[in-house]
Amino acid sequence: MSLPHFRYRSRPAKVANSVMNEGTLVIPMIETLEALELVEEIAAVEGVDPLLIGTNDLTAEMGISGDYDNPGPTEAYEKIIAACKKAGIWVGVRGLHSYLDLVQKFCEMGADGDGCH
């Protein structure tokens, strides 16, 4: 295998695969109602590193696209954050760069990413 990770030097697959697997993050995004329903199971999968919340897609799935004042996004965040805390993994906020008040709110609820620290 000749990849940039190995400075384009050939490495046997046995060596390359273990190095690549060790350096790979598995980061599911919760952005559908089905994923929200299964979030505890998703967060508990061995090898999942953090979860990210796709806020815009999730609100669109809820039929309230961009309506962040609706209780739906907050309830979803509560459920996702609780699942991540239970699994001992990080949870990131996505899609809210223009809504710093919401980022702060979700960080105070326990989210870990996008300006929480």
C-alpha atoms as a PDB file:
ATOM      1  CA  MET A   1       0.000   0.000   0.000  1.00  0.00           C
ATOM      2  CA  SER A   2       1.471   3.342  -1.056  1.00  0.00           C
ATOM      3  CA  LEU A   3      -0.347   6.214   0.650  1.00  0.00           C
ATOM      4  CA  PRO A   4       0.535   9.751   1.762  1.00  0.00           C
ATOM      5  CA  HIS A   5       0.350   8.509   5.359  1.00  0.00           C
ATOM      6  CA  PHE A   6       3.448   6.446   4.588  1.00  0.00           C
ATOM      7  CA  ARG A   7       5.149   9.137   2.485  1.00  0.00           C
ATOM      8  CA  TYR A   8       4.120   7.130  -0.580  1.00  0.00           C
ATOM      9  CA  ARG A   9       6.391   4.304   0.419  1.00  0.00           C
ATOM     10  CA  SER A  10       5.059   0.838  -0.080  1.00  0.00           C
ATOM     11  CA  ARG A  11       4.011  -0.967   3.084  1.00  0.00           C
ATOM     12  CA  PRO A  12       2.612  -4.480   3.382  1.00  0.00           C
ATOM     13  CA  ALA A  13      -1.147  -4.520   3.919  1.00  0.00           C
ATOM     14  CA  LYS A  14      -0.643  -6.270   7.259  1.00  0.00           C
ATOM     15  CA  VAL A  15       1.337  -3.268   8.532  1.00  0.00           C
ATOM     16  CA  ALA A  16      -0.631  -0.583   6.691  1.00  0.00           C
ATOM     17  CA  ASN A  17      -4.043  -1.845   7.798  1.00  0.00           C
ATOM     18  CA  SER A  18      -3.206  -1.833  11.490  1.00  0.00           C
ATOM     19  CA  VAL A  19      -1.697   1.665  11.280  1.00  0.00           C
ATOM     20  CA  MET A  20      -4.644   2.991   9.263  1.00  0.00           C
ATOM     21  CA  ASN A  21      -7.205   1.388  11.581  1.00  0.00           C
ATOM     22  CA  GLU A  22      -5.495   2.871  14.632  1.00  0.00           C
ATOM     23  CA  GLY A  23      -5.559   6.332  13.060  1.00  0.00           C
ATOM     24  CA  THR A  24      -9.163   6.224  11.851  1.00  0.00           C
ATOM     25  CA  LEU A  25     -12.037   7.894  13.675  1.00  0.00           C
ATOM     26  CA  VAL A  26     -15.590   6.609  13.309  1.00  0.00           C
ATOM     27  CA  ILE A  27     -17.884   9.638  13.613  1.00  0.00           C
ATOM     28  CA  PRO A  28     -21.588   9.002  12.951  1.00  0.00           C
ATOM     29  CA  MET A  29     -23.832  12.026  12.434  1.00  0.00           C
ATOM     30  CA  ILE A  30     -27.250  12.088  14.016  1.00  0.00           C
ATOM     31  CA  GLU A  31     -29.356  13.879  11.425  1.00  0.00           C
ATOM     32  CA  THR A  32     -32.414  11.685  10.842  1.00  0.00           C
ATOM     33  CA  LEU A  33     -35.351  10.691  13.012  1.00  0.00           C
ATOM     34  CA  GLU A  34     -34.287   7.051  12.704  1.00  0.00           C
ATOM     35  CA  ALA A  35     -30.798   7.866  13.998  1.00  0.00           C
ATOM     36  CA  LEU A  36     -32.332   9.907  16.829  1.00  0.00           C
ATOM     37  CA  GLU A  37     -34.509   6.942  17.780  1.00  0.00           C
ATOM     38  CA  LEU A  38     -31.464   4.618  17.776  1.00  0.00           C
ATOM     39  CA  VAL A  39     -28.959   7.056  19.286  1.00  0.00           C
ATOM     40  CA  GLU A  40     -28.246   4.986  22.419  1.00  0.00           C
ATOM     41  CA  GLU A  41     -27.457   1.941  20.295  1.00  0.00           C
ATOM     42  CA  ILE A  42     -25.320   3.987  17.891  1.00  0.00           C
ATOM     43  CA  ALA A  43     -23.350   5.618  20.713  1.00  0.00           C
ATOM     44  CA  ALA A  44     -22.732   2.219  22.320  1.00  0.00           C
ATOM     45  CA  VAL A  45     -21.154   0.640  19.215  1.00  0.00           C
ATOM     46  CA  GLU A  46     -17.568  -0.339  19.962  1.00  0.00           C
ATOM     47  CA  GLY A  47     -15.194   1.823  17.951  1.00  0.00           C
ATOM     48  CA  VAL A  48     -17.486   4.843  17.648  1.00  0.00           C
ATOM     49  CA  ASP A  49     -15.406   7.807  18.735  1.00  0.00           C
ATOM     50  CA  PRO A  50     -17.707  10.878  18.948  1.00  0.00           C
ATOM     51  CA  LEU A  51     -21.171  11.581  17.600  1.00  0.00           C
ATOM     52  CA  LEU A  52     -21.979  14.758  15.710  1.00  0.00           C
ATOM     53  CA  ILE A  53     -25.434  16.298  15.576  1.00  0.00           C
ATOM     54  CA  GLY A  54     -26.442  17.546  12.124  1.00  0.00           C
ATOM     55  CA  THR A  55     -28.799  20.205  13.425  1.00  0.00           C
ATOM     56  CA  ASN A  56     -30.063  21.561  10.096  1.00  0.00           C
ATOM     57  CA  ASP A  57     -30.779  18.145   8.601  1.00  0.00           C
ATOM     58  CA  LEU A  58     -32.344  16.967  11.849  1.00  0.00           C
ATOM     59  CA  THR A  59     -34.723  19.937  12.045  1.00  0.00           C
ATOM     60  CA  ALA A  60     -35.623  19.393   8.375  1.00  0.00           C
ATOM     61  CA  GLU A  61     -36.408  15.745   9.179  1.00  0.00           C
ATOM     62  CA  MET A  62     -38.585  16.946  12.058  1.00  0.00           C
ATOM     63  CA  GLY A  63     -40.551  19.123   9.633  1.00  0.00           C
ATOM     64  CA  ILE A  64     -39.377  22.296  11.392  1.00  0.00           C
ATOM     65  CA  SER A  65     -36.432  23.235   9.198  1.00  0.00           C
ATOM     66  CA  GLY A  66     -34.404  25.954  10.899  1.00  0.00           C
ATOM     67  CA  ASP A  67     -36.984  26.491  13.660  1.00  0.00           C
ATOM     68  CA  TYR A  68     -34.569  26.402  16.573  1.00  0.00           C
ATOM     69  CA  ASP A  69     -37.117  27.984  18.942  1.00  0.00           C
ATOM     70  CA  ASN A  70     -39.225  24.846  18.587  1.00  0.00           C
ATOM     71  CA  PRO A  71     -38.724  22.457  21.536  1.00  0.00           C
ATOM     72  CA  GLY A  72     -37.843  19.614  19.129  1.00  0.00           C
ATOM     73  CA  PRO A  73     -34.149  20.450  18.662  1.00  0.00           C
ATOM     74  CA  THR A  74     -33.611  20.936  22.409  1.00  0.00           C
ATOM     75  CA  GLU A  75     -35.320  17.624  23.192  1.00  0.00           C
ATOM     76  CA  ALA A  76     -33.197  15.911  20.525  1.00  0.00           C
ATOM     77  CA  TYR A  77     -30.011  17.413  21.944  1.00  0.00           C
ATOM     78  CA  GLU A  78     -30.974  16.248  25.446  1.00  0.00           C
ATOM     79  CA  LYS A  79     -31.463  12.694  24.191  1.00  0.00           C
ATOM     80  CA  ILE A  80     -28.250  12.648  22.133  1.00  0.00           C
ATOM     81  CA  ILE A  81     -26.114  14.216  24.873  1.00  0.00           C
ATOM     82  CA  ALA A  82     -27.467  11.725  27.428  1.00  0.00           C
ATOM     83  CA  ALA A  83     -26.667   8.794  25.113  1.00  0.00           C
ATOM     84  CA  CYS A  84     -23.121  10.047  24.561  1.00  0.00           C
ATOM     85  CA  LYS A  85     -22.502  10.646  28.256  1.00  0.00           C
ATOM     86  CA  LYS A  86     -23.802   7.144  29.017  1.00  0.00           C
ATOM     87  CA  ALA A  87     -21.427   5.683  26.398  1.00  0.00           C
ATOM     88  CA  GLY A  88     -18.539   7.883  27.565  1.00  0.00           C
ATOM     89  CA  ILE A  89     -18.034   9.541  24.192  1.00  0.00           C
ATOM     90  CA  TRP A  90     -17.824  13.113  22.951  1.00  0.00           C
ATOM     91  CA  VAL A  91     -20.764  14.816  21.179  1.00  0.00           C
ATOM     92  CA  GLY A  92     -20.357  17.717  18.772  1.00  0.00           C
ATOM     93  CA  VAL A  93     -22.716  20.470  17.656  1.00  0.00           C
ATOM     94  CA  ARG A  94     -22.834  21.061  13.878  1.00  0.00           C
ATOM     95  CA  GLY A  95     -24.630  23.587  11.694  1.00  0.00           C
ATOM     96  CA  LEU A  96     -25.071  26.354  14.239  1.00  0.00           C
ATOM     97  CA  HIS A  97     -22.062  28.606  13.573  1.00  0.00           C
ATOM     98  CA  SER A  98     -24.346  31.619  13.094  1.00  0.00           C
ATOM     99  CA  TYR A  99     -26.319  30.909  16.267  1.00  0.00           C
ATOM    100  CA  LEU A 100     -23.807  31.356  19.055  1.00  0.00           C
ATOM    101  CA  ASP A 101     -26.557  31.583  21.662  1.00  0.00           C
ATOM    102  CA  LEU A 102     -27.717  28.087  20.684  1.00  0.00           C
ATOM    103  CA  VAL A 103     -24.162  26.751  20.642  1.00  0.00           C
ATOM    104  CA  GLN A 104     -23.729  28.102  24.174  1.00  0.00           C
ATOM    105  CA  LYS A 105     -27.072  26.618  25.259  1.00  0.00           C
ATOM    106  CA  PHE A 106     -26.190  23.170  23.917  1.00  0.00           C
ATOM    107  CA  CYS A 107     -22.686  23.355  25.393  1.00  0.00           C
ATOM    108  CA  GLU A 108     -24.211  24.164  28.770  1.00  0.00           C
ATOM    109  CA  MET A 109     -26.430  21.097  28.295  1.00  0.00           C
ATOM    110  CA  GLY A 110     -23.289  18.978  27.921  1.00  0.00           C
ATOM    111  CA  ALA A 111     -22.290  19.071  24.249  1.00  0.00           C
ATOM    112  CA  ASP A 112     -18.557  19.115  23.651  1.00  0.00           C
ATOM    113  CA  GLY A 113     -17.890  20.697  20.265  1.00  0.00           C
ATOM    114  CA  ASP A 114     -18.023  23.743  18.003  1.00  0.00           C
ATOM    115  CA  GLY A 115     -17.020  26.426  20.423  1.00  0.00           C
ATOM    116  CA  CYS A 116     -17.953  24.682  23.667  1.00  0.00           C
ATOM    117  CA  HIS A 117     -14.385  24.913  24.956  1.00  0.00           C
END
